[in-house]
Amino acid sequence: MSLLSELKSIIESIGIAVETGVFSDTAPESYVVLTPTVDTFPLSADNFPINEIQEVRISLFDKGNYTKKKNQIVRLLLQADITITDRRYITHEDSTGYHHYAIDVAKNYEMEEI
């Protein structure tokens, strides 16, 4: 399983449209763009990683009251044992009317046997 697929499932479960990288369809009143930011292997004594850390930025775009959706997403992330590393209001895009809020997340996965 990957963090992207977990996030897509979580966010779609509350009725918010989700895309990876860029929203390619006509944008609805509220949507999320998932942007992978980091995939790392923690150091291991034998130089063979047993874990992988994946990090993703969740960009919430909403034309209305974004705080309700932000709070829903945060609760679901915490329930799914996903670490929130940063949350911040980015801007109100005057040209489109969207509030842009970002949530950076990370999750540690055990490597599958090769």
PDB file of N, CA and C in Angstrom:
ATOM      1  N   MET A   1       0.842  -1.179   0.000  1.00  0.00           N
ATOM      2  CA  MET A   1       0.000   0.000   0.000  1.00  0.00           C
ATOM      3  C   MET A   1       0.887   1.241   0.000  1.00  0.00           C
ATOM      4  N   SER A   2       0.386   2.302  -0.580  1.00  0.00           N
ATOM      5  CA  SER A   2       1.141   3.549  -0.590  1.00  0.00           C
ATOM      6  C   SER A   2       0.338   4.636   0.111  1.00  0.00           C
ATOM      7  N   LEU A   3       1.046   5.653   0.542  1.00  0.00           N
ATOM      8  CA  LEU A   3       0.397   6.771   1.217  1.00  0.00           C
ATOM      9  C   LEU A   3      -0.587   7.461   0.275  1.00  0.00           C
ATOM     10  N   LEU A   4      -0.218   7.598  -0.996  1.00  0.00           N
ATOM     11  CA  LEU A   4      -1.128   8.235  -1.958  1.00  0.00           C
ATOM     12  C   LEU A   4      -2.461   7.507  -2.031  1.00  0.00           C
ATOM     13  N   SER A   5      -2.426   6.186  -2.118  1.00  0.00           N
ATOM     14  CA  SER A   5      -3.680   5.440  -2.231  1.00  0.00           C
ATOM     15  C   SER A   5      -4.484   5.516  -0.934  1.00  0.00           C
ATOM     16  N   GLU A   6      -3.815   5.505   0.215  1.00  0.00           N
ATOM     17  CA  GLU A   6      -4.520   5.658   1.495  1.00  0.00           C
ATOM     18  C   GLU A   6      -5.205   7.022   1.574  1.00  0.00           C
ATOM     19  N   LEU A   7      -4.475   8.066   1.201  1.00  0.00           N
ATOM     20  CA  LEU A   7      -5.037   9.413   1.268  1.00  0.00           C
ATOM     21  C   LEU A   7      -6.213   9.582   0.318  1.00  0.00           C
ATOM     22  N   LYS A   8      -6.077   9.064  -0.883  1.00  0.00           N
ATOM     23  CA  LYS A   8      -7.163   9.154  -1.873  1.00  0.00           C
ATOM     24  C   LYS A   8      -8.424   8.509  -1.312  1.00  0.00           C
ATOM     25  N   SER A   9      -8.290   7.347  -0.731  1.00  0.00           N
ATOM     26  CA  SER A   9      -9.427   6.630  -0.157  1.00  0.00           C
ATOM     27  C   SER A   9     -10.051   7.403   1.002  1.00  0.00           C
ATOM     28  N   ILE A  10      -9.217   7.924   1.888  1.00  0.00           N
ATOM     29  CA  ILE A  10      -9.698   8.680   3.051  1.00  0.00           C
ATOM     30  C   ILE A  10     -10.474   9.918   2.615  1.00  0.00           C
ATOM     31  N   ILE A  11      -9.916  10.678   1.698  1.00  0.00           N
ATOM     32  CA  ILE A  11     -10.531  11.947   1.305  1.00  0.00           C
ATOM     33  C   ILE A  11     -11.790  11.720   0.477  1.00  0.00           C
ATOM     34  N   GLU A  12     -11.769  10.731  -0.409  1.00  0.00           N
ATOM     35  CA  GLU A  12     -12.971  10.425  -1.185  1.00  0.00           C
ATOM     36  C   GLU A  12     -14.101   9.932  -0.294  1.00  0.00           C
ATOM     37  N   SER A  13     -13.773   9.343   0.863  1.00  0.00           N
ATOM     38  CA  SER A  13     -14.806   8.828   1.766  1.00  0.00           C
ATOM     39  C   SER A  13     -15.691   9.939   2.339  1.00  0.00           C
ATOM     40  N   ILE A  14     -15.223  11.184   2.292  1.00  0.00           N
ATOM     41  CA  ILE A  14     -16.035  12.301   2.775  1.00  0.00           C
ATOM     42  C   ILE A  14     -16.547  13.163   1.615  1.00  0.00           C
ATOM     43  N   GLY A  15     -16.477  12.604   0.412  1.00  0.00           N
ATOM     44  CA  GLY A  15     -17.097  13.253  -0.736  1.00  0.00           C
ATOM     45  C   GLY A  15     -16.327  14.382  -1.381  1.00  0.00           C
ATOM     46  N   ILE A  16     -15.027  14.429  -1.173  1.00  0.00           N
ATOM     47  CA  ILE A  16     -14.199  15.469  -1.789  1.00  0.00           C
ATOM     48  C   ILE A  16     -13.448  14.854  -2.970  1.00  0.00           C
ATOM     49  N   ALA A  17     -13.488  15.531  -4.114  1.00  0.00           N
ATOM     50  CA  ALA A  17     -12.771  15.068  -5.310  1.00  0.00           C
ATOM     51  C   ALA A  17     -11.269  15.135  -5.067  1.00  0.00           C
ATOM     52  N   VAL A  18     -10.523  14.138  -5.597  1.00  0.00           N
ATOM     53  CA  VAL A  18      -9.081  14.039  -5.364  1.00  0.00           C
ATOM     54  C   VAL A  18      -8.354  13.781  -6.679  1.00  0.00           C
ATOM     55  N   GLU A  19      -7.242  14.466  -6.880  1.00  0.00           N
ATOM     56  CA  GLU A  19      -6.336  14.230  -8.003  1.00  0.00           C
ATOM     57  C   GLU A  19      -4.912  14.191  -7.461  1.00  0.00           C
ATOM     58  N   THR A  20      -4.002  13.617  -8.224  1.00  0.00           N
ATOM     59  CA  THR A  20      -2.588  13.596  -7.861  1.00  0.00           C
ATOM     60  C   THR A  20      -1.836  14.540  -8.785  1.00  0.00           C
ATOM     61  N   GLY A  21      -1.067  15.452  -8.207  1.00  0.00           N
ATOM     62  CA  GLY A  21      -0.227  16.364  -8.978  1.00  0.00           C
ATOM     63  C   GLY A  21      -0.941  17.630  -9.398  1.00  0.00           C
ATOM     64  N   VAL A  22      -2.028  17.500 -10.177  1.00  0.00           N
ATOM     65  CA  VAL A  22      -2.775  18.657 -10.657  1.00  0.00           C
ATOM     66  C   VAL A  22      -4.220  18.215 -10.889  1.00  0.00           C
ATOM     67  N   PHE A  23      -5.175  19.118 -10.690  1.00  0.00           N
ATOM     68  CA  PHE A  23      -6.577  18.770 -10.927  1.00  0.00           C
ATOM     69  C   PHE A  23      -6.850  18.951 -12.404  1.00  0.00           C
ATOM     70  N   SER A  24      -7.213  17.862 -13.081  1.00  0.00           N
ATOM     71  CA  SER A  24      -7.304  17.880 -14.538  1.00  0.00           C
ATOM     72  C   SER A  24      -8.715  18.115 -15.070  1.00  0.00           C
ATOM     73  N   ASP A  25      -9.737  17.948 -14.249  1.00  0.00           N
ATOM     74  CA  ASP A  25     -11.113  18.115 -14.691  1.00  0.00           C
ATOM     75  C   ASP A  25     -11.578  19.523 -14.324  1.00  0.00           C
ATOM     76  N   THR A  26     -12.819  19.849 -14.626  1.00  0.00           N
ATOM     77  CA  THR A  26     -13.377  21.115 -14.180  1.00  0.00           C
ATOM     78  C   THR A  26     -13.438  21.085 -12.660  1.00  0.00           C
ATOM     79  N   ALA A  27     -12.859  22.062 -12.033  1.00  0.00           N
ATOM     80  CA  ALA A  27     -12.739  22.065 -10.577  1.00  0.00           C
ATOM     81  C   ALA A  27     -14.094  22.307  -9.912  1.00  0.00           C
ATOM     82  N   PRO A  28     -14.454  21.431  -8.948  1.00  0.00           N
ATOM     83  CA  PRO A  28     -15.692  21.643  -8.189  1.00  0.00           C
ATOM     84  C   PRO A  28     -15.478  22.706  -7.103  1.00  0.00           C
ATOM     85  N   GLU A  29     -16.499  22.939  -6.291  1.00  0.00           N
ATOM     86  CA  GLU A  29     -16.405  23.935  -5.212  1.00  0.00           C
ATOM     87  C   GLU A  29     -15.315  23.590  -4.202  1.00  0.00           C
ATOM     88  N   SER A  30     -15.052  22.294  -4.040  1.00  0.00           N
ATOM     89  CA  SER A  30     -14.052  21.830  -3.092  1.00  0.00           C
ATOM     90  C   SER A  30     -13.338  20.626  -3.690  1.00  0.00           C
ATOM     91  N   TYR A  31     -12.006  20.632  -3.624  1.00  0.00           N
ATOM     92  CA  TYR A  31     -11.238  19.496  -4.124  1.00  0.00           C
ATOM     93  C   TYR A  31      -9.872  19.460  -3.452  1.00  0.00           C
ATOM     94  N   VAL A  32      -9.193  18.310  -3.605  1.00  0.00           N
ATOM     95  CA  VAL A  32      -7.871  18.115  -3.020  1.00  0.00           C
ATOM     96  C   VAL A  32      -6.905  17.668  -4.104  1.00  0.00           C
ATOM     97  N   VAL A  33      -5.690  18.200  -4.044  1.00  0.00           N
ATOM     98  CA  VAL A  33      -4.600  17.746  -4.897  1.00  0.00           C
ATOM     99  C   VAL A  33      -3.534  17.140  -3.990  1.00  0.00           C
ATOM    100  N   LEU A  34      -3.138  15.900  -4.292  1.00  0.00           N
ATOM    101  CA  LEU A  34      -2.095  15.208  -3.542  1.00  0.00           C
ATOM    102  C   LEU A  34      -0.780  15.323  -4.304  1.00  0.00           C
ATOM    103  N   THR A  35       0.262  15.799  -3.639  1.00  0.00           N
ATOM    104  CA  THR A  35       1.567  15.940  -4.268  1.00  0.00           C
ATOM    105  C   THR A  35       2.597  15.165  -3.454  1.00  0.00           C
ATOM    106  N   PRO A  36       3.125  14.059  -4.023  1.00  0.00           N
ATOM    107  CA  PRO A  36       4.186  13.336  -3.304  1.00  0.00           C
ATOM    108  C   PRO A  36       5.395  14.245  -3.149  1.00  0.00           C
ATOM    109  N   THR A  37       5.984  14.259  -1.947  1.00  0.00           N
ATOM    110  CA  THR A  37       7.127  15.144  -1.726  1.00  0.00           C
ATOM    111  C   THR A  37       8.412  14.383  -1.427  1.00  0.00           C
ATOM    112  N   VAL A  38       8.327  13.272  -0.662  1.00  0.00           N
ATOM    113  CA  VAL A  38       9.543  12.562  -0.261  1.00  0.00           C
ATOM    114  C   VAL A  38       9.252  11.072  -0.121  1.00  0.00           C
ATOM    115  N   ASP A  39      10.183  10.249  -0.571  1.00  0.00           N
ATOM    116  CA  ASP A  39      10.225   8.814  -0.269  1.00  0.00           C
ATOM    117  C   ASP A  39      11.639   8.550   0.222  1.00  0.00           C
ATOM    118  N   THR A  40      11.781   8.145   1.476  1.00  0.00           N
ATOM    119  CA  THR A  40      13.124   7.940   2.012  1.00  0.00           C
ATOM    120  C   THR A  40      13.239   6.583   2.694  1.00  0.00           C
ATOM    121  N   PHE A  41      14.475   6.115   2.785  1.00  0.00           N
ATOM    122  CA  PHE A  41      14.798   4.919   3.543  1.00  0.00           C
ATOM    123  C   PHE A  41      15.597   5.355   4.765  1.00  0.00           C
ATOM    124  N   PRO A  42      15.098   5.057   5.969  1.00  0.00           N
ATOM    125  CA  PRO A  42      15.912   5.352   7.150  1.00  0.00           C
ATOM    126  C   PRO A  42      17.190   4.508   7.120  1.00  0.00           C
ATOM    127  N   LEU A  43      18.236   4.995   7.749  1.00  0.00           N
ATOM    128  CA  LEU A  43      19.506   4.265   7.759  1.00  0.00           C
ATOM    129  C   LEU A  43      19.362   2.930   8.488  1.00  0.00           C
ATOM    130  N   SER A  44      20.030   1.923   7.954  1.00  0.00           N
ATOM    131  CA  SER A  44      20.044   0.596   8.563  1.00  0.00           C
ATOM    132  C   SER A  44      21.483   0.165   8.751  1.00  0.00           C
ATOM    133  N   ALA A  45      21.722  -0.638   9.762  1.00  0.00           N
ATOM    134  CA  ALA A  45      23.088  -1.078  10.053  1.00  0.00           C
ATOM    135  C   ALA A  45      23.691  -1.883   8.903  1.00  0.00           C
ATOM    136  N   ASP A  46      22.853  -2.634   8.186  1.00  0.00           N
ATOM    137  CA  ASP A  46      23.385  -3.459   7.099  1.00  0.00           C
ATOM    138  C   ASP A  46      23.173  -2.835   5.717  1.00  0.00           C
ATOM    139  N   ASN A  47      22.785  -1.557   5.680  1.00  0.00           N
ATOM    140  CA  ASN A  47      22.534  -0.826   4.442  1.00  0.00           C
ATOM    141  C   ASN A  47      21.386  -1.397   3.624  1.00  0.00           C
ATOM    142  N   PHE A  48      20.557  -2.246   4.224  1.00  0.00           N
ATOM    143  CA  PHE A  48      19.379  -2.774   3.556  1.00  0.00           C
ATOM    144  C   PHE A  48      18.153  -2.267   4.313  1.00  0.00           C
ATOM    145  N   PRO A  49      17.394  -1.360   3.702  1.00  0.00           N
ATOM    146  CA  PRO A  49      16.283  -0.752   4.430  1.00  0.00           C
ATOM    147  C   PRO A  49      15.162  -1.758   4.718  1.00  0.00           C
ATOM    148  N   ILE A  50      14.564  -1.605   5.893  1.00  0.00           N
ATOM    149  CA  ILE A  50      13.406  -2.420   6.232  1.00  0.00           C
ATOM    150  C   ILE A  50      12.135  -1.564   6.281  1.00  0.00           C
ATOM    151  N   ASN A  51      12.320  -0.253   6.266  1.00  0.00           N
ATOM    152  CA  ASN A  51      11.196   0.684   6.281  1.00  0.00           C
ATOM    153  C   ASN A  51      11.376   1.736   5.197  1.00  0.00           C
ATOM    154  N   GLU A  52      10.247   2.286   4.778  1.00  0.00           N
ATOM    155  CA  GLU A  52      10.238   3.402   3.842  1.00  0.00           C
ATOM    156  C   GLU A  52       9.313   4.462   4.414  1.00  0.00           C
ATOM    157  N   ILE A  53       9.750   5.707   4.404  1.00  0.00           N
ATOM    158  CA  ILE A  53       8.909   6.808   4.851  1.00  0.00           C
ATOM    159  C   ILE A  53       8.429   7.560   3.611  1.00  0.00           C
ATOM    160  N   GLN A  54       7.118   7.695   3.490  1.00  0.00           N
ATOM    161  CA  GLN A  54       6.518   8.424   2.376  1.00  0.00           C
ATOM    162  C   GLN A  54       5.886   9.701   2.920  1.00  0.00           C
ATOM    163  N   GLU A  55       6.089  10.799   2.182  1.00  0.00           N
ATOM    164  CA  GLU A  55       5.512  12.083   2.579  1.00  0.00           C
ATOM    165  C   GLU A  55       4.736  12.676   1.412  1.00  0.00           C
ATOM    166  N   VAL A  56       3.606  13.313   1.732  1.00  0.00           N
ATOM    167  CA  VAL A  56       2.725  13.885   0.714  1.00  0.00           C
ATOM    168  C   VAL A  56       2.176  15.210   1.231  1.00  0.00           C
ATOM    169  N   ARG A  57       2.014  16.164   0.327  1.00  0.00           N
ATOM    170  CA  ARG A  57       1.302  17.406   0.652  1.00  0.00           C
ATOM    171  C   ARG A  57      -0.130  17.264   0.158  1.00  0.00           C
ATOM    172  N   ILE A  58      -1.066  17.508   1.073  1.00  0.00           N
ATOM    173  CA  ILE A  58      -2.491  17.536   0.746  1.00  0.00           C
ATOM    174  C   ILE A  58      -2.866  19.001   0.592  1.00  0.00           C
ATOM    175  N   SER A  59      -3.238  19.401  -0.616  1.00  0.00           N
ATOM    176  CA  SER A  59      -3.653  20.785  -0.861  1.00  0.00           C
ATOM    177  C   SER A  59      -5.167  20.803  -0.994  1.00  0.00           C
ATOM    178  N   LEU A  60      -5.824  21.419  -0.016  1.00  0.00           N
ATOM    179  CA  LEU A  60      -7.276  21.551  -0.035  1.00  0.00           C
ATOM    180  C   LEU A  60      -7.628  22.893  -0.658  1.00  0.00           C
ATOM    181  N   PHE A  61      -8.490  22.853  -1.671  1.00  0.00           N
ATOM    182  CA  PHE A  61      -8.994  24.063  -2.315  1.00  0.00           C
ATOM    183  C   PHE A  61     -10.495  24.103  -2.079  1.00  0.00           C
ATOM    184  N   ASP A  62     -10.993  25.210  -1.527  1.00  0.00           N
ATOM    185  CA  ASP A  62     -12.412  25.295  -1.198  1.00  0.00           C
ATOM    186  C   ASP A  62     -12.889  26.728  -1.374  1.00  0.00           C
ATOM    187  N   LYS A  63     -14.045  26.886  -2.022  1.00  0.00           N
ATOM    188  CA  LYS A  63     -14.602  28.222  -2.235  1.00  0.00           C
ATOM    189  C   LYS A  63     -15.454  28.690  -1.061  1.00  0.00           C
ATOM    190  N   GLY A  64     -15.777  27.790  -0.146  1.00  0.00           N
ATOM    191  CA  GLY A  64     -16.622  28.145   0.993  1.00  0.00           C
ATOM    192  C   GLY A  64     -15.833  28.152   2.280  1.00  0.00           C
ATOM    193  N   ASN A  65     -16.444  27.618   3.328  1.00  0.00           N
ATOM    194  CA  ASN A  65     -15.810  27.535   4.640  1.00  0.00           C
ATOM    195  C   ASN A  65     -14.899  26.305   4.659  1.00  0.00           C
ATOM    196  N   TYR A  66     -13.637  26.493   4.385  1.00  0.00           N
ATOM    197  CA  TYR A  66     -12.685  25.394   4.272  1.00  0.00           C
ATOM    198  C   TYR A  66     -12.397  24.722   5.624  1.00  0.00           C
ATOM    199  N   THR A  67     -12.647  25.411   6.740  1.00  0.00           N
ATOM    200  CA  THR A  67     -12.245  24.866   8.042  1.00  0.00           C
ATOM    201  C   THR A  67     -12.988  23.580   8.401  1.00  0.00           C
ATOM    202  N   LYS A  68     -14.248  23.451   8.030  1.00  0.00           N
ATOM    203  CA  LYS A  68     -14.991  22.225   8.324  1.00  0.00           C
ATOM    204  C   LYS A  68     -14.354  21.037   7.604  1.00  0.00           C
ATOM    205  N   LYS A  69     -14.036  21.204   6.332  1.00  0.00           N
ATOM    206  CA  LYS A  69     -13.419  20.119   5.562  1.00  0.00           C
ATOM    207  C   LYS A  69     -12.004  19.827   6.068  1.00  0.00           C
ATOM    208  N   LYS A  70     -11.266  20.876   6.392  1.00  0.00           N
ATOM    209  CA  LYS A  70      -9.917  20.699   6.943  1.00  0.00           C
ATOM    210  C   LYS A  70      -9.977  19.869   8.221  1.00  0.00           C
ATOM    211  N   ASN A  71     -10.899  20.207   9.109  1.00  0.00           N
ATOM    212  CA  ASN A  71     -11.020  19.480  10.370  1.00  0.00           C
ATOM    213  C   ASN A  71     -11.438  18.029  10.155  1.00  0.00           C
ATOM    214  N   GLN A  72     -12.322  17.769   9.193  1.00  0.00           N
ATOM    215  CA  GLN A  72     -12.714  16.398   8.863  1.00  0.00           C
ATOM    216  C   GLN A  72     -11.501  15.604   8.394  1.00  0.00           C
ATOM    217  N   ILE A  73     -10.732  16.195   7.493  1.00  0.00           N
ATOM    218  CA  ILE A  73      -9.547  15.514   6.949  1.00  0.00           C
ATOM    219  C   ILE A  73      -8.549  15.233   8.068  1.00  0.00           C
ATOM    220  N   VAL A  74      -8.281  16.206   8.914  1.00  0.00           N
ATOM    221  CA  VAL A  74      -7.316  16.033  10.005  1.00  0.00           C
ATOM    222  C   VAL A  74      -7.752  14.893  10.929  1.00  0.00           C
ATOM    223  N   ARG A  75      -9.024  14.860  11.313  1.00  0.00           N
ATOM    224  CA  ARG A  75      -9.518  13.775  12.181  1.00  0.00           C
ATOM    225  C   ARG A  75      -9.309  12.410  11.531  1.00  0.00           C
ATOM    226  N   LEU A  76      -9.640  12.296  10.250  1.00  0.00           N
ATOM    227  CA  LEU A  76      -9.490  11.015   9.550  1.00  0.00           C
ATOM    228  C   LEU A  76      -8.021  10.609   9.418  1.00  0.00           C
ATOM    229  N   LEU A  77      -7.148  11.573   9.189  1.00  0.00           N
ATOM    230  CA  LEU A  77      -5.716  11.271   9.100  1.00  0.00           C
ATOM    231  C   LEU A  77      -5.191  10.718  10.416  1.00  0.00           C
ATOM    232  N   LEU A  78      -5.564  11.358  11.504  1.00  0.00           N
ATOM    233  CA  LEU A  78      -5.111  10.908  12.818  1.00  0.00           C
ATOM    234  C   LEU A  78      -5.671   9.522  13.143  1.00  0.00           C
ATOM    235  N   GLN A  79      -6.920   9.270  12.784  1.00  0.00           N
ATOM    236  CA  GLN A  79      -7.523   7.952  13.008  1.00  0.00           C
ATOM    237  C   GLN A  79      -6.820   6.867  12.190  1.00  0.00           C
ATOM    238  N   ALA A  80      -6.277   7.238  11.040  1.00  0.00           N
ATOM    239  CA  ALA A  80      -5.587   6.284  10.159  1.00  0.00           C
ATOM    240  C   ALA A  80      -4.109   6.138  10.523  1.00  0.00           C
ATOM    241  N   ASP A  81      -3.683   6.737  11.635  1.00  0.00           N
ATOM    242  CA  ASP A  81      -2.294   6.655  12.093  1.00  0.00           C
ATOM    243  C   ASP A  81      -1.315   7.263  11.083  1.00  0.00           C
ATOM    244  N   ILE A  82      -1.747   8.353  10.463  1.00  0.00           N
ATOM    245  CA  ILE A  82      -0.898   9.099   9.533  1.00  0.00           C
ATOM    246  C   ILE A  82      -0.385  10.329  10.276  1.00  0.00           C
ATOM    247  N   THR A  83       0.925  10.551  10.247  1.00  0.00           N
ATOM    248  CA  THR A  83       1.544  11.654  10.966  1.00  0.00           C
ATOM    249  C   THR A  83       1.365  12.958  10.193  1.00  0.00           C
ATOM    250  N   ILE A  84       0.868  13.970  10.866  1.00  0.00           N
ATOM    251  CA  ILE A  84       0.743  15.306  10.274  1.00  0.00           C
ATOM    252  C   ILE A  84       1.989  16.081  10.665  1.00  0.00           C
ATOM    253  N   THR A  85       2.773  16.497   9.657  1.00  0.00           N
ATOM    254  CA  THR A  85       4.033  17.195   9.925  1.00  0.00           C
ATOM    255  C   THR A  85       3.910  18.713   9.837  1.00  0.00           C
ATOM    256  N   ASP A  86       2.867  19.202   9.143  1.00  0.00           N
ATOM    257  CA  ASP A  86       2.675  20.649   9.028  1.00  0.00           C
ATOM    258  C   ASP A  86       1.255  20.915   8.538  1.00  0.00           C
ATOM    259  N   ARG A  87       0.687  22.030   8.996  1.00  0.00           N
ATOM    260  CA  ARG A  87      -0.611  22.505   8.504  1.00  0.00           C
ATOM    261  C   ARG A  87      -0.499  24.009   8.372  1.00  0.00           C
ATOM    262  N   ARG A  88      -0.984  24.530   7.232  1.00  0.00           N
ATOM    263  CA  ARG A  88      -0.903  25.981   7.074  1.00  0.00           C
ATOM    264  C   ARG A  88      -1.863  26.488   6.008  1.00  0.00           C
ATOM    265  N   TYR A  89      -2.376  27.676   6.273  1.00  0.00           N
ATOM    266  CA  TYR A  89      -3.187  28.382   5.289  1.00  0.00           C
ATOM    267  C   TYR A  89      -2.228  28.999   4.286  1.00  0.00           C
ATOM    268  N   ILE A  90      -2.427  28.701   3.018  1.00  0.00           N
ATOM    269  CA  ILE A  90      -1.511  29.215   1.995  1.00  0.00           C
ATOM    270  C   ILE A  90      -1.970  30.589   1.500  1.00  0.00           C
ATOM    271  N   THR A  91      -3.206  30.660   0.980  1.00  0.00           N
ATOM    272  CA  THR A  91      -3.696  31.926   0.446  1.00  0.00           C
ATOM    273  C   THR A  91      -5.163  31.816   0.056  1.00  0.00           C
ATOM    274  N   HIS A  92      -5.763  32.957  -0.189  1.00  0.00           N
ATOM    275  CA  HIS A  92      -7.049  33.005  -0.875  1.00  0.00           C
ATOM    276  C   HIS A  92      -6.725  33.441  -2.294  1.00  0.00           C
ATOM    277  N   GLU A  93      -7.077  32.599  -3.244  1.00  0.00           N
ATOM    278  CA  GLU A  93      -6.786  32.912  -4.645  1.00  0.00           C
ATOM    279  C   GLU A  93      -7.906  33.799  -5.175  1.00  0.00           C
ATOM    280  N   ASP A  94      -7.638  35.084  -5.246  1.00  0.00           N
ATOM    281  CA  ASP A  94      -8.668  36.039  -5.646  1.00  0.00           C
ATOM    282  C   ASP A  94      -9.196  35.783  -7.050  1.00  0.00           C
ATOM    283  N   SER A  95      -8.342  35.309  -7.936  1.00  0.00           N
ATOM    284  CA  SER A  95      -8.767  35.087  -9.323  1.00  0.00           C
ATOM    285  C   SER A  95      -9.730  33.910  -9.463  1.00  0.00           C
ATOM    286  N   THR A  96      -9.655  32.934  -8.553  1.00  0.00           N
ATOM    287  CA  THR A  96     -10.518  31.751  -8.646  1.00  0.00           C
ATOM    288  C   THR A  96     -11.540  31.670  -7.515  1.00  0.00           C
ATOM    289  N   GLY A  97     -11.280  32.368  -6.413  1.00  0.00           N
ATOM    290  CA  GLY A  97     -12.175  32.324  -5.274  1.00  0.00           C
ATOM    291  C   GLY A  97     -11.911  31.192  -4.299  1.00  0.00           C
ATOM    292  N   TYR A  98     -10.829  30.440  -4.513  1.00  0.00           N
ATOM    293  CA  TYR A  98     -10.521  29.306  -3.644  1.00  0.00           C
ATOM    294  C   TYR A  98      -9.636  29.722  -2.467  1.00  0.00           C
ATOM    295  N   HIS A  99      -9.975  29.163  -1.287  1.00  0.00           N
ATOM    296  CA  HIS A  99      -9.048  29.166  -0.163  1.00  0.00           C
ATOM    297  C   HIS A  99      -8.127  27.981  -0.405  1.00  0.00           C
ATOM    298  N   HIS A 100      -6.835  28.147  -0.159  1.00  0.00           N
ATOM    299  CA  HIS A 100      -5.860  27.060  -0.327  1.00  0.00           C
ATOM    300  C   HIS A 100      -5.254  26.780   1.036  1.00  0.00           C
ATOM    301  N   TYR A 101      -5.446  25.548   1.506  1.00  0.00           N
ATOM    302  CA  TYR A 101      -4.925  25.119   2.796  1.00  0.00           C
ATOM    303  C   TYR A 101      -4.098  23.860   2.567  1.00  0.00           C
ATOM    304  N   ALA A 102      -2.918  23.777   3.172  1.00  0.00           N
ATOM    305  CA  ALA A 102      -2.020  22.634   2.958  1.00  0.00           C
ATOM    306  C   ALA A 102      -1.828  21.856   4.254  1.00  0.00           C
ATOM    307  N   ILE A 103      -1.845  20.534   4.102  1.00  0.00           N
ATOM    308  CA  ILE A 103      -1.557  19.623   5.217  1.00  0.00           C
ATOM    309  C   ILE A 103      -0.455  18.688   4.728  1.00  0.00           C
ATOM    310  N   ASP A 104       0.694  18.719   5.378  1.00  0.00           N
ATOM    311  CA  ASP A 104       1.800  17.822   5.024  1.00  0.00           C
ATOM    312  C   ASP A 104       1.744  16.611   5.946  1.00  0.00           C
ATOM    313  N   VAL A 105       1.869  15.422   5.346  1.00  0.00           N
ATOM    314  CA  VAL A 105       1.741  14.187   6.117  1.00  0.00           C
ATOM    315  C   VAL A 105       2.872  13.223   5.780  1.00  0.00           C
ATOM    316  N   ALA A 106       3.082  12.257   6.689  1.00  0.00           N
ATOM    317  CA  ALA A 106       4.114  11.231   6.485  1.00  0.00           C
ATOM    318  C   ALA A 106       3.624   9.937   7.105  1.00  0.00           C
ATOM    319  N   LYS A 107       4.102   8.829   6.533  1.00  0.00           N
ATOM    320  CA  LYS A 107       3.787   7.529   7.104  1.00  0.00           C
ATOM    321  C   LYS A 107       4.955   6.590   6.846  1.00  0.00           C
ATOM    322  N   ASN A 108       5.227   5.757   7.846  1.00  0.00           N
ATOM    323  CA  ASN A 108       6.309   4.791   7.793  1.00  0.00           C
ATOM    324  C   ASN A 108       5.722   3.443   7.378  1.00  0.00           C
ATOM    325  N   TYR A 109       6.263   2.857   6.309  1.00  0.00           N
ATOM    326  CA  TYR A 109       5.809   1.556   5.814  1.00  0.00           C
ATOM    327  C   TYR A 109       6.933   0.548   5.921  1.00  0.00           C
ATOM    328  N   GLU A 110       6.608  -0.677   6.308  1.00  0.00           N
ATOM    329  CA  GLU A 110       7.577  -1.748   6.277  1.00  0.00           C
ATOM    330  C   GLU A 110       7.765  -2.186   4.828  1.00  0.00           C
ATOM    331  N   MET A 111       9.007  -2.456   4.467  1.00  0.00           N
ATOM    332  CA  MET A 111       9.304  -2.898   3.110  1.00  0.00           C
ATOM    333  C   MET A 111       8.762  -4.307   2.899  1.00  0.00           C
ATOM    334  N   GLU A 112       8.225  -4.545   1.708  1.00  0.00           N
ATOM    335  CA  GLU A 112       7.790  -5.892   1.368  1.00  0.00           C
ATOM    336  C   GLU A 112       8.992  -6.736   1.037  1.00  0.00           C
ATOM    337  N   GLU A 113       8.891  -8.011   1.282  1.00  0.00           N
ATOM    338  CA  GLU A 113      10.008  -8.920   0.972  1.00  0.00           C
ATOM    339  C   GLU A 113      10.262  -8.925  -0.524  1.00  0.00           C
ATOM    340  N   ILE A 114      11.543  -8.935  -0.888  1.00  0.00           N
ATOM    341  CA  ILE A 114      11.933  -8.941  -2.306  1.00  0.00           C
ATOM    342  C   ILE A 114      12.049 -10.372  -2.789  1.00  0.00           C
TER     343      ILE A 114
END
